[in-house]
Amino acid sequence: MVDPSEDNDALRAKLDALTEKIRAHRPAVAPERPAEASQGGDSFGSAMSLGMKAGSEFIAAILVGTALGFGLDWLVNTKPLFTILFFLIGVAAGTVNVIRATSPKGATD
């Protein structure tokens, strides 16, 4: 019968050998990019992303409001009334969405 402590010692030796092989193949320290280059590129990209998100939310709210108003005008046969009203509601909703998207995340309302 094999002693369990001998099995543990053999497994520990294999694990230590494998750990050393992994350390030998791994680079000592990963080269770091300059801080100013990574921050400059990342902040520009996130600013562009935020601007595109805010613009698309604003335009989408106006288009949805106008389409709803136009559809309601078509159903009720009151041509410009609901189109103008829902256009203005869409502008207000788009403005609120832009303010919400661009405000700091920790801000309280």
N, C-alpha and C. Protein backbone atom coordinates (compact mmCIF):
# COMPACT_ATOMS: atom_id res chain seq x y z
N MET A 1 0.84 -1.18 0.00
CA MET A 1 0.00 0.00 0.00
C MET A 1 0.89 1.24 0.00
N VAL A 2 0.45 2.29 -0.72
CA VAL A 2 1.23 3.52 -0.85
C VAL A 2 0.84 4.48 0.26
N ASP A 3 1.84 5.09 0.84
CA ASP A 3 1.61 6.05 1.93
C ASP A 3 1.06 7.36 1.35
N PRO A 4 -0.07 7.90 1.89
CA PRO A 4 -0.63 9.14 1.35
C PRO A 4 0.32 10.33 1.45
N SER A 5 1.17 10.37 2.43
CA SER A 5 2.10 11.50 2.54
C SER A 5 3.13 11.47 1.41
N GLU A 6 3.50 10.25 0.94
CA GLU A 6 4.43 10.14 -0.19
C GLU A 6 3.74 10.65 -1.47
N ASP A 7 2.45 10.32 -1.63
CA ASP A 7 1.72 10.83 -2.79
C ASP A 7 1.64 12.35 -2.77
N ASN A 8 1.37 12.91 -1.61
CA ASN A 8 1.32 14.37 -1.48
C ASN A 8 2.66 15.01 -1.80
N ASP A 9 3.73 14.39 -1.32
CA ASP A 9 5.07 14.94 -1.60
C ASP A 9 5.39 14.87 -3.09
N ALA A 10 5.01 13.78 -3.74
CA ALA A 10 5.27 13.64 -5.17
C ALA A 10 4.45 14.66 -5.96
N LEU A 11 3.17 14.83 -5.59
CA LEU A 11 2.34 15.82 -6.27
C LEU A 11 2.86 17.24 -6.04
N ARG A 12 3.33 17.53 -4.83
CA ARG A 12 3.87 18.84 -4.51
C ARG A 12 5.11 19.11 -5.35
N ALA A 13 5.97 18.11 -5.53
CA ALA A 13 7.18 18.27 -6.34
C ALA A 13 6.83 18.52 -7.80
N LYS A 14 5.82 17.79 -8.32
CA LYS A 14 5.39 18.02 -9.71
C LYS A 14 4.80 19.41 -9.87
N LEU A 15 4.01 19.84 -8.90
CA LEU A 15 3.42 21.17 -8.95
C LEU A 15 4.49 22.26 -8.92
N ASP A 16 5.49 22.08 -8.07
CA ASP A 16 6.58 23.07 -8.00
C ASP A 16 7.37 23.12 -9.30
N ALA A 17 7.61 21.95 -9.92
CA ALA A 17 8.33 21.92 -11.19
C ALA A 17 7.52 22.60 -12.29
N LEU A 18 6.22 22.35 -12.31
CA LEU A 18 5.36 23.00 -13.30
C LEU A 18 5.32 24.52 -13.09
N THR A 19 5.26 24.96 -11.84
CA THR A 19 5.26 26.39 -11.54
C THR A 19 6.55 27.04 -12.03
N GLU A 20 7.66 26.40 -11.85
CA GLU A 20 8.94 26.95 -12.32
C GLU A 20 8.99 27.02 -13.84
N LYS A 21 8.43 26.02 -14.52
CA LYS A 21 8.41 26.05 -15.99
C LYS A 21 7.56 27.21 -16.50
N ILE A 22 6.42 27.44 -15.83
CA ILE A 22 5.55 28.54 -16.23
C ILE A 22 6.24 29.87 -16.01
N ARG A 23 6.90 30.04 -14.89
CA ARG A 23 7.63 31.29 -14.60
C ARG A 23 8.75 31.52 -15.59
N ALA A 24 9.39 30.45 -16.06
CA ALA A 24 10.49 30.59 -17.01
C ALA A 24 10.00 31.10 -18.36
N HIS A 25 8.81 30.72 -18.74
CA HIS A 25 8.28 31.14 -20.05
C HIS A 25 7.57 32.48 -20.00
N ARG A 26 7.20 32.92 -18.84
CA ARG A 26 6.48 34.18 -18.69
C ARG A 26 7.49 35.33 -18.62
N PRO A 27 7.22 36.46 -19.29
CA PRO A 27 8.14 37.60 -19.16
C PRO A 27 8.13 38.13 -17.73
N ALA A 28 9.28 38.67 -17.33
CA ALA A 28 9.43 39.14 -15.95
C ALA A 28 8.43 40.25 -15.63
N VAL A 29 8.42 41.31 -16.43
CA VAL A 29 7.49 42.42 -16.23
C VAL A 29 6.96 42.81 -17.60
N ALA A 30 5.66 42.95 -17.69
CA ALA A 30 5.07 43.36 -18.96
C ALA A 30 5.45 44.81 -19.24
N PRO A 31 5.86 45.13 -20.47
CA PRO A 31 6.19 46.52 -20.78
C PRO A 31 4.95 47.39 -20.68
N GLU A 32 5.10 48.51 -20.02
CA GLU A 32 3.98 49.43 -19.85
C GLU A 32 4.02 50.51 -20.91
N ARG A 33 2.83 50.89 -21.35
CA ARG A 33 2.74 51.99 -22.30
C ARG A 33 2.87 53.30 -21.54
N PRO A 34 3.33 54.33 -22.22
CA PRO A 34 3.39 55.63 -21.55
C PRO A 34 2.01 56.07 -21.10
N ALA A 35 1.93 56.64 -19.91
CA ALA A 35 0.64 57.01 -19.32
C ALA A 35 -0.06 58.09 -20.12
N GLU A 36 0.69 59.05 -20.62
CA GLU A 36 0.05 60.16 -21.33
C GLU A 36 -0.54 59.71 -22.66
N ALA A 37 0.08 58.77 -23.34
CA ALA A 37 -0.45 58.30 -24.62
C ALA A 37 -1.72 57.50 -24.42
N SER A 38 -1.75 56.65 -23.40
CA SER A 38 -2.95 55.84 -23.20
C SER A 38 -4.12 56.69 -22.72
N GLN A 39 -3.86 57.68 -21.89
CA GLN A 39 -4.94 58.53 -21.41
C GLN A 39 -5.47 59.42 -22.53
N GLY A 40 -4.60 59.95 -23.35
CA GLY A 40 -5.03 60.84 -24.42
C GLY A 40 -5.89 60.13 -25.44
N GLY A 41 -5.48 58.95 -25.86
CA GLY A 41 -6.25 58.20 -26.84
C GLY A 41 -7.56 57.71 -26.27
N ASP A 42 -7.53 57.25 -25.03
CA ASP A 42 -8.72 56.70 -24.41
C ASP A 42 -9.75 57.78 -24.13
N SER A 43 -9.31 58.95 -23.67
CA SER A 43 -10.27 60.01 -23.35
C SER A 43 -10.91 60.56 -24.62
N PHE A 44 -10.16 60.63 -25.72
CA PHE A 44 -10.74 61.09 -26.97
C PHE A 44 -11.79 60.11 -27.47
N GLY A 45 -11.48 58.83 -27.37
CA GLY A 45 -12.43 57.81 -27.81
C GLY A 45 -13.70 57.80 -26.98
N SER A 46 -13.55 57.95 -25.67
CA SER A 46 -14.74 57.95 -24.82
C SER A 46 -15.54 59.23 -25.01
N ALA A 47 -14.87 60.34 -25.29
CA ALA A 47 -15.60 61.59 -25.56
C ALA A 47 -16.38 61.49 -26.87
N MET A 48 -15.77 60.89 -27.88
CA MET A 48 -16.47 60.69 -29.15
C MET A 48 -17.66 59.74 -28.96
N SER A 49 -17.47 58.71 -28.17
CA SER A 49 -18.56 57.77 -27.91
C SER A 49 -19.71 58.44 -27.18
N LEU A 50 -19.39 59.26 -26.19
CA LEU A 50 -20.43 59.97 -25.45
C LEU A 50 -21.16 60.97 -26.35
N GLY A 51 -20.44 61.65 -27.21
CA GLY A 51 -21.06 62.59 -28.13
C GLY A 51 -21.98 61.92 -29.13
N MET A 52 -21.54 60.78 -29.66
CA MET A 52 -22.39 60.03 -30.59
C MET A 52 -23.64 59.49 -29.89
N LYS A 53 -23.47 59.03 -28.66
CA LYS A 53 -24.62 58.52 -27.91
C LYS A 53 -25.63 59.64 -27.63
N ALA A 54 -25.14 60.79 -27.19
CA ALA A 54 -26.03 61.91 -26.89
C ALA A 54 -26.75 62.39 -28.14
N GLY A 55 -26.02 62.51 -29.23
CA GLY A 55 -26.63 62.96 -30.48
C GLY A 55 -27.67 62.00 -31.01
N SER A 56 -27.36 60.71 -30.96
CA SER A 56 -28.31 59.73 -31.48
C SER A 56 -29.55 59.64 -30.60
N GLU A 57 -29.39 59.78 -29.29
CA GLU A 57 -30.57 59.77 -28.41
C GLU A 57 -31.44 61.00 -28.65
N PHE A 58 -30.83 62.14 -28.89
CA PHE A 58 -31.59 63.35 -29.16
C PHE A 58 -32.38 63.23 -30.46
N ILE A 59 -31.72 62.79 -31.52
CA ILE A 59 -32.37 62.65 -32.82
C ILE A 59 -33.47 61.58 -32.76
N ALA A 60 -33.18 60.47 -32.07
CA ALA A 60 -34.17 59.39 -31.99
C ALA A 60 -35.43 59.85 -31.26
N ALA A 61 -35.27 60.62 -30.19
CA ALA A 61 -36.45 61.09 -29.45
C ALA A 61 -37.30 62.02 -30.32
N ILE A 62 -36.66 62.88 -31.09
CA ILE A 62 -37.40 63.79 -31.98
C ILE A 62 -38.12 63.00 -33.07
N LEU A 63 -37.44 62.02 -33.67
CA LEU A 63 -38.06 61.24 -34.73
C LEU A 63 -39.23 60.41 -34.22
N VAL A 64 -39.07 59.80 -33.07
CA VAL A 64 -40.16 58.99 -32.51
C VAL A 64 -41.35 59.88 -32.16
N GLY A 65 -41.10 61.02 -31.53
CA GLY A 65 -42.19 61.94 -31.20
C GLY A 65 -42.92 62.43 -32.43
N THR A 66 -42.17 62.80 -33.46
CA THR A 66 -42.79 63.29 -34.68
C THR A 66 -43.58 62.20 -35.38
N ALA A 67 -43.04 60.98 -35.40
CA ALA A 67 -43.76 59.87 -36.04
C ALA A 67 -45.04 59.55 -35.29
N LEU A 68 -45.00 59.56 -33.97
CA LEU A 68 -46.21 59.32 -33.19
C LEU A 68 -47.25 60.41 -33.45
N GLY A 69 -46.82 61.64 -33.48
CA GLY A 69 -47.74 62.74 -33.76
C GLY A 69 -48.32 62.66 -35.15
N PHE A 70 -47.51 62.32 -36.14
CA PHE A 70 -47.99 62.20 -37.51
C PHE A 70 -49.01 61.07 -37.63
N GLY A 71 -48.70 59.94 -36.96
CA GLY A 71 -49.63 58.81 -36.98
C GLY A 71 -50.94 59.14 -36.29
N LEU A 72 -50.88 59.85 -35.19
CA LEU A 72 -52.10 60.26 -34.49
C LEU A 72 -52.89 61.26 -35.32
N ASP A 73 -52.21 62.17 -36.00
CA ASP A 73 -52.89 63.11 -36.91
C ASP A 73 -53.58 62.36 -38.04
N TRP A 74 -52.94 61.33 -38.55
CA TRP A 74 -53.51 60.56 -39.65
C TRP A 74 -54.77 59.82 -39.18
N LEU A 75 -54.72 59.27 -37.95
CA LEU A 75 -55.89 58.55 -37.43
C LEU A 75 -57.07 59.47 -37.14
N VAL A 76 -56.78 60.62 -36.53
CA VAL A 76 -57.84 61.52 -36.08
C VAL A 76 -58.20 62.55 -37.16
N ASN A 77 -57.35 62.68 -38.17
CA ASN A 77 -57.54 63.62 -39.29
C ASN A 77 -57.48 65.08 -38.81
N THR A 78 -56.48 65.38 -38.01
CA THR A 78 -56.21 66.76 -37.54
C THR A 78 -54.78 67.10 -37.93
N LYS A 79 -54.53 67.32 -39.19
CA LYS A 79 -53.20 67.31 -39.78
C LYS A 79 -52.04 67.92 -38.97
N PRO A 80 -51.90 69.18 -38.70
CA PRO A 80 -50.63 69.60 -38.09
C PRO A 80 -50.62 69.59 -36.56
N LEU A 81 -51.76 69.41 -35.91
CA LEU A 81 -51.85 69.61 -34.47
C LEU A 81 -50.96 68.65 -33.68
N PHE A 82 -51.18 67.35 -33.80
CA PHE A 82 -50.43 66.38 -33.01
C PHE A 82 -48.99 66.24 -33.48
N THR A 83 -48.74 66.48 -34.77
CA THR A 83 -47.36 66.42 -35.27
C THR A 83 -46.51 67.48 -34.58
N ILE A 84 -47.02 68.69 -34.50
CA ILE A 84 -46.27 69.77 -33.84
C ILE A 84 -46.15 69.51 -32.34
N LEU A 85 -47.24 69.08 -31.73
CA LEU A 85 -47.24 68.82 -30.29
C LEU A 85 -46.24 67.72 -29.92
N PHE A 86 -46.29 66.60 -30.63
CA PHE A 86 -45.39 65.50 -30.32
C PHE A 86 -43.95 65.78 -30.74
N PHE A 87 -43.75 66.64 -31.74
CA PHE A 87 -42.40 67.09 -32.07
C PHE A 87 -41.79 67.83 -30.89
N LEU A 88 -42.56 68.72 -30.28
CA LEU A 88 -42.06 69.47 -29.13
C LEU A 88 -41.83 68.55 -27.92
N ILE A 89 -42.70 67.57 -27.74
CA ILE A 89 -42.49 66.59 -26.67
C ILE A 89 -41.22 65.78 -26.94
N GLY A 90 -40.97 65.44 -28.21
CA GLY A 90 -39.75 64.71 -28.57
C GLY A 90 -38.50 65.53 -28.32
N VAL A 91 -38.56 66.83 -28.59
CA VAL A 91 -37.42 67.70 -28.31
C VAL A 91 -37.15 67.75 -26.80
N ALA A 92 -38.22 67.87 -26.01
CA ALA A 92 -38.06 67.90 -24.55
C ALA A 92 -37.49 66.58 -24.05
N ALA A 93 -38.00 65.46 -24.55
CA ALA A 93 -37.50 64.15 -24.12
C ALA A 93 -36.05 63.96 -24.56
N GLY A 94 -35.71 64.41 -25.76
CA GLY A 94 -34.32 64.32 -26.21
C GLY A 94 -33.38 65.15 -25.37
N THR A 95 -33.82 66.33 -24.96
CA THR A 95 -32.99 67.18 -24.10
C THR A 95 -32.76 66.52 -22.75
N VAL A 96 -33.81 65.94 -22.20
CA VAL A 96 -33.66 65.24 -20.92
C VAL A 96 -32.71 64.05 -21.06
N ASN A 97 -32.82 63.31 -22.15
CA ASN A 97 -31.92 62.17 -22.38
C ASN A 97 -30.47 62.61 -22.51
N VAL A 98 -30.22 63.72 -23.20
CA VAL A 98 -28.84 64.21 -23.35
C VAL A 98 -28.29 64.65 -22.00
N ILE A 99 -29.10 65.35 -21.22
CA ILE A 99 -28.64 65.78 -19.89
C ILE A 99 -28.35 64.56 -19.03
N ARG A 100 -29.21 63.57 -19.08
CA ARG A 100 -29.01 62.36 -18.28
C ARG A 100 -27.77 61.59 -18.73
N ALA A 101 -27.52 61.52 -20.03
CA ALA A 101 -26.38 60.77 -20.56
C ALA A 101 -25.05 61.47 -20.27
N THR A 102 -25.05 62.80 -20.23
CA THR A 102 -23.79 63.53 -20.07
C THR A 102 -23.51 63.97 -18.65
N SER A 103 -24.46 63.77 -17.74
CA SER A 103 -24.22 64.19 -16.35
C SER A 103 -23.30 63.17 -15.67
N PRO A 104 -22.54 63.62 -14.66
CA PRO A 104 -21.67 62.69 -13.94
C PRO A 104 -22.49 61.59 -13.29
N LYS A 105 -21.92 60.40 -13.21
CA LYS A 105 -22.66 59.23 -12.73
C LYS A 105 -22.96 59.31 -11.23
N GLY A 106 -22.17 60.01 -10.47
CA GLY A 106 -22.39 60.09 -9.03
C GLY A 106 -23.29 61.23 -8.61
N ALA A 107 -23.78 62.00 -9.57
CA ALA A 107 -24.60 63.17 -9.24
C ALA A 107 -25.96 62.76 -8.74
N THR A 108 -26.50 63.50 -7.78
CA THR A 108 -27.85 63.23 -7.29
C THR A 108 -28.81 64.20 -7.93
N ASP A 109 -30.02 63.73 -8.18
CA ASP A 109 -31.02 64.59 -8.83
C ASP A 109 -31.73 65.46 -7.85
